[in-house]
């Protein structure tokens, strides 16, 4: 199961105990949208809870800070990246540092700080 940090995802119906545990771990829930993990989520604990509840491995993915798309596909650091500890300020392959987008990155960070 792949989960985009900061994106909505669905899970099969959970028991009361698992649902309550996810809420305590900072996972958000909306009846229409589903579940969402963000900066306030204890990612390590939430991943363990979800893995136990659904019986499958959980792979976390992060968004590109410039365009908002999933940043992990095509990333040269994917094999060594621990997304439970990485910053949410990643760049996708299209906006990687080698592509000369440093100015866009600095602008995006500045805009985020101002808002």
C-alpha atoms as a PDB file:
ATOM      1  CA  UNK A   1       0.000   0.000   0.000  1.00  0.00           C
ATOM      2  CA  UNK A   2       1.374   3.394  -1.023  1.00  0.00           C
ATOM      3  CA  UNK A   3       0.418   6.480   0.992  1.00  0.00           C
ATOM      4  CA  UNK A   4       1.247  10.028  -0.096  1.00  0.00           C
ATOM      5  CA  UNK A   5       2.071  12.103   2.993  1.00  0.00           C
ATOM      6  CA  UNK A   6      -0.300  15.065   3.005  1.00  0.00           C
ATOM      7  CA  UNK A   7      -2.721  13.313   0.639  1.00  0.00           C
ATOM      8  CA  UNK A   8      -6.019  11.582   1.369  1.00  0.00           C
ATOM      9  CA  UNK A   9      -6.136   7.792   1.284  1.00  0.00           C
ATOM     10  CA  UNK A  10      -8.655   5.075   2.076  1.00  0.00           C
ATOM     11  CA  UNK A  11      -8.399   2.075   4.336  1.00  0.00           C
ATOM     12  CA  UNK A  12     -10.696  -0.888   4.746  1.00  0.00           C
ATOM     13  CA  UNK A  13     -13.040  -0.628   7.703  1.00  0.00           C
ATOM     14  CA  UNK A  14     -10.965  -0.561  10.878  1.00  0.00           C
ATOM     15  CA  UNK A  15     -11.835  -1.802  14.319  1.00  0.00           C
ATOM     16  CA  UNK A  16     -12.486   0.735  17.066  1.00  0.00           C
ATOM     17  CA  UNK A  17      -9.093   0.121  18.637  1.00  0.00           C
ATOM     18  CA  UNK A  18      -7.107   0.641  15.403  1.00  0.00           C
ATOM     19  CA  UNK A  19      -9.133   3.727  14.443  1.00  0.00           C
ATOM     20  CA  UNK A  20      -8.647   5.256  17.905  1.00  0.00           C
ATOM     21  CA  UNK A  21      -4.923   4.501  17.802  1.00  0.00           C
ATOM     22  CA  UNK A  22      -4.556   6.250  14.418  1.00  0.00           C
ATOM     23  CA  UNK A  23      -6.376   9.331  15.725  1.00  0.00           C
ATOM     24  CA  UNK A  24      -4.043   9.459  18.757  1.00  0.00           C
ATOM     25  CA  UNK A  25      -1.080   9.176  16.375  1.00  0.00           C
ATOM     26  CA  UNK A  26      -2.186  12.339  14.570  1.00  0.00           C
ATOM     27  CA  UNK A  27      -3.853  10.826  11.506  1.00  0.00           C
ATOM     28  CA  UNK A  28      -6.783  12.965  10.332  1.00  0.00           C
ATOM     29  CA  UNK A  29     -10.092  11.413   9.256  1.00  0.00           C
ATOM     30  CA  UNK A  30     -12.923  12.736   7.098  1.00  0.00           C
ATOM     31  CA  UNK A  31     -15.994  10.598   6.297  1.00  0.00           C
ATOM     32  CA  UNK A  32     -15.885  11.605   2.632  1.00  0.00           C
ATOM     33  CA  UNK A  33     -12.143  11.979   1.939  1.00  0.00           C
ATOM     34  CA  UNK A  34     -10.756   9.217   4.172  1.00  0.00           C
ATOM     35  CA  UNK A  35      -7.490   9.432   6.111  1.00  0.00           C
ATOM     36  CA  UNK A  36      -4.601  11.880   5.906  1.00  0.00           C
ATOM     37  CA  UNK A  37      -1.126  11.975   7.457  1.00  0.00           C
ATOM     38  CA  UNK A  38       0.658  15.283   7.835  1.00  0.00           C
ATOM     39  CA  UNK A  39       3.330  17.073   9.848  1.00  0.00           C
ATOM     40  CA  UNK A  40       1.487  16.409  13.123  1.00  0.00           C
ATOM     41  CA  UNK A  41       1.350  12.646  12.521  1.00  0.00           C
ATOM     42  CA  UNK A  42       3.653  10.223  14.309  1.00  0.00           C
ATOM     43  CA  UNK A  43       4.479   8.545  10.993  1.00  0.00           C
ATOM     44  CA  UNK A  44       6.426   5.620  12.414  1.00  0.00           C
ATOM     45  CA  UNK A  45       3.609   4.605  14.775  1.00  0.00           C
ATOM     46  CA  UNK A  46       0.877   5.239  12.199  1.00  0.00           C
ATOM     47  CA  UNK A  47       2.652   3.084   9.609  1.00  0.00           C
ATOM     48  CA  UNK A  48       2.927   0.246  12.146  1.00  0.00           C
ATOM     49  CA  UNK A  49      -0.765   0.557  13.010  1.00  0.00           C
ATOM     50  CA  UNK A  50      -1.871   0.583   9.360  1.00  0.00           C
ATOM     51  CA  UNK A  51       0.438  -2.304   8.477  1.00  0.00           C
ATOM     52  CA  UNK A  52      -1.007  -4.361  11.321  1.00  0.00           C
ATOM     53  CA  UNK A  53      -4.607  -3.433  10.481  1.00  0.00           C
ATOM     54  CA  UNK A  54      -4.457  -4.142   6.735  1.00  0.00           C
ATOM     55  CA  UNK A  55      -1.871  -6.908   6.766  1.00  0.00           C
ATOM     56  CA  UNK A  56       0.388  -5.446   4.092  1.00  0.00           C
ATOM     57  CA  UNK A  57       3.506  -3.319   3.823  1.00  0.00           C
ATOM     58  CA  UNK A  58       3.046   0.462   3.817  1.00  0.00           C
ATOM     59  CA  UNK A  59       5.215   2.626   1.566  1.00  0.00           C
ATOM     60  CA  UNK A  60       5.208   6.351   2.284  1.00  0.00           C
ATOM     61  CA  UNK A  61       5.573   8.824  -0.570  1.00  0.00           C
ATOM     62  CA  UNK A  62       6.194  12.598  -0.472  1.00  0.00           C
ATOM     63  CA  UNK A  63       5.126  15.484  -2.718  1.00  0.00           C
ATOM     64  CA  UNK A  64       7.336  17.732  -4.812  1.00  0.00           C
ATOM     65  CA  UNK A  65       7.551  21.109  -3.102  1.00  0.00           C
ATOM     66  CA  UNK A  66       7.466  22.917  -6.457  1.00  0.00           C
ATOM     67  CA  UNK A  67       4.618  21.235  -8.355  1.00  0.00           C
ATOM     68  CA  UNK A  68       2.839  19.152  -5.687  1.00  0.00           C
ATOM     69  CA  UNK A  69       3.091  15.876  -7.619  1.00  0.00           C
ATOM     70  CA  UNK A  70       4.462  12.717  -6.058  1.00  0.00           C
ATOM     71  CA  UNK A  71       8.210  13.247  -5.771  1.00  0.00           C
ATOM     72  CA  UNK A  72       9.426   9.675  -5.248  1.00  0.00           C
ATOM     73  CA  UNK A  73       9.019   8.212  -8.736  1.00  0.00           C
ATOM     74  CA  UNK A  74      12.323   8.552 -10.535  1.00  0.00           C
ATOM     75  CA  UNK A  75      14.196   9.826  -7.474  1.00  0.00           C
ATOM     76  CA  UNK A  76      17.827   8.729  -7.410  1.00  0.00           C
ATOM     77  CA  UNK A  77      17.775   8.645  -3.585  1.00  0.00           C
ATOM     78  CA  UNK A  78      14.674   6.413  -3.311  1.00  0.00           C
ATOM     79  CA  UNK A  79      16.471   3.295  -2.059  1.00  0.00           C
ATOM     80  CA  UNK A  80      18.205   5.094   0.813  1.00  0.00           C
ATOM     81  CA  UNK A  81      15.425   7.557   1.734  1.00  0.00           C
ATOM     82  CA  UNK A  82      13.477   7.059   4.973  1.00  0.00           C
ATOM     83  CA  UNK A  83      10.290   8.995   4.255  1.00  0.00           C
ATOM     84  CA  UNK A  84       9.273   8.807   7.915  1.00  0.00           C
ATOM     85  CA  UNK A  85      12.164  11.159   8.673  1.00  0.00           C
ATOM     86  CA  UNK A  86      12.646  13.121   5.450  1.00  0.00           C
ATOM     87  CA  UNK A  87      11.543  16.708   4.968  1.00  0.00           C
ATOM     88  CA  UNK A  88       8.369  17.354   3.031  1.00  0.00           C
ATOM     89  CA  UNK A  89      10.415  19.776   0.924  1.00  0.00           C
ATOM     90  CA  UNK A  90      11.463  17.168  -1.645  1.00  0.00           C
ATOM     91  CA  UNK A  91      11.755  17.703  -5.379  1.00  0.00           C
ATOM     92  CA  UNK A  92      10.464  15.414  -8.123  1.00  0.00           C
ATOM     93  CA  UNK A  93      12.678  14.212 -10.987  1.00  0.00           C
ATOM     94  CA  UNK A  94      11.368  17.052 -13.174  1.00  0.00           C
ATOM     95  CA  UNK A  95      12.424  19.646 -10.590  1.00  0.00           C
ATOM     96  CA  UNK A  96      15.547  17.928  -9.229  1.00  0.00           C
ATOM     97  CA  UNK A  97      18.492  20.135  -8.240  1.00  0.00           C
ATOM     98  CA  UNK A  98      20.364  19.024 -11.348  1.00  0.00           C
ATOM     99  CA  UNK A  99      17.679  20.727 -13.479  1.00  0.00           C
ATOM    100  CA  UNK A 100      18.632  24.199 -12.203  1.00  0.00           C
ATOM    101  CA  UNK A 101      15.437  24.907 -10.270  1.00  0.00           C
ATOM    102  CA  UNK A 102      17.085  26.271  -7.145  1.00  0.00           C
ATOM    103  CA  UNK A 103      15.445  29.688  -7.631  1.00  0.00           C
ATOM    104  CA  UNK A 104      11.975  28.052  -7.878  1.00  0.00           C
ATOM    105  CA  UNK A 105      12.694  26.077  -4.714  1.00  0.00           C
ATOM    106  CA  UNK A 106      13.781  29.196  -2.797  1.00  0.00           C
ATOM    107  CA  UNK A 107      10.658  31.056  -4.012  1.00  0.00           C
ATOM    108  CA  UNK A 108       8.375  28.183  -2.965  1.00  0.00           C
ATOM    109  CA  UNK A 109       9.970  28.048   0.487  1.00  0.00           C
ATOM    110  CA  UNK A 110       9.675  31.856   0.830  1.00  0.00           C
ATOM    111  CA  UNK A 111       6.012  31.764  -0.225  1.00  0.00           C
ATOM    112  CA  UNK A 112       5.312  28.996   2.291  1.00  0.00           C
ATOM    113  CA  UNK A 113       6.921  30.988   5.105  1.00  0.00           C
ATOM    114  CA  UNK A 114       4.951  34.130   4.258  1.00  0.00           C
ATOM    115  CA  UNK A 115       1.580  32.300   4.156  1.00  0.00           C
END
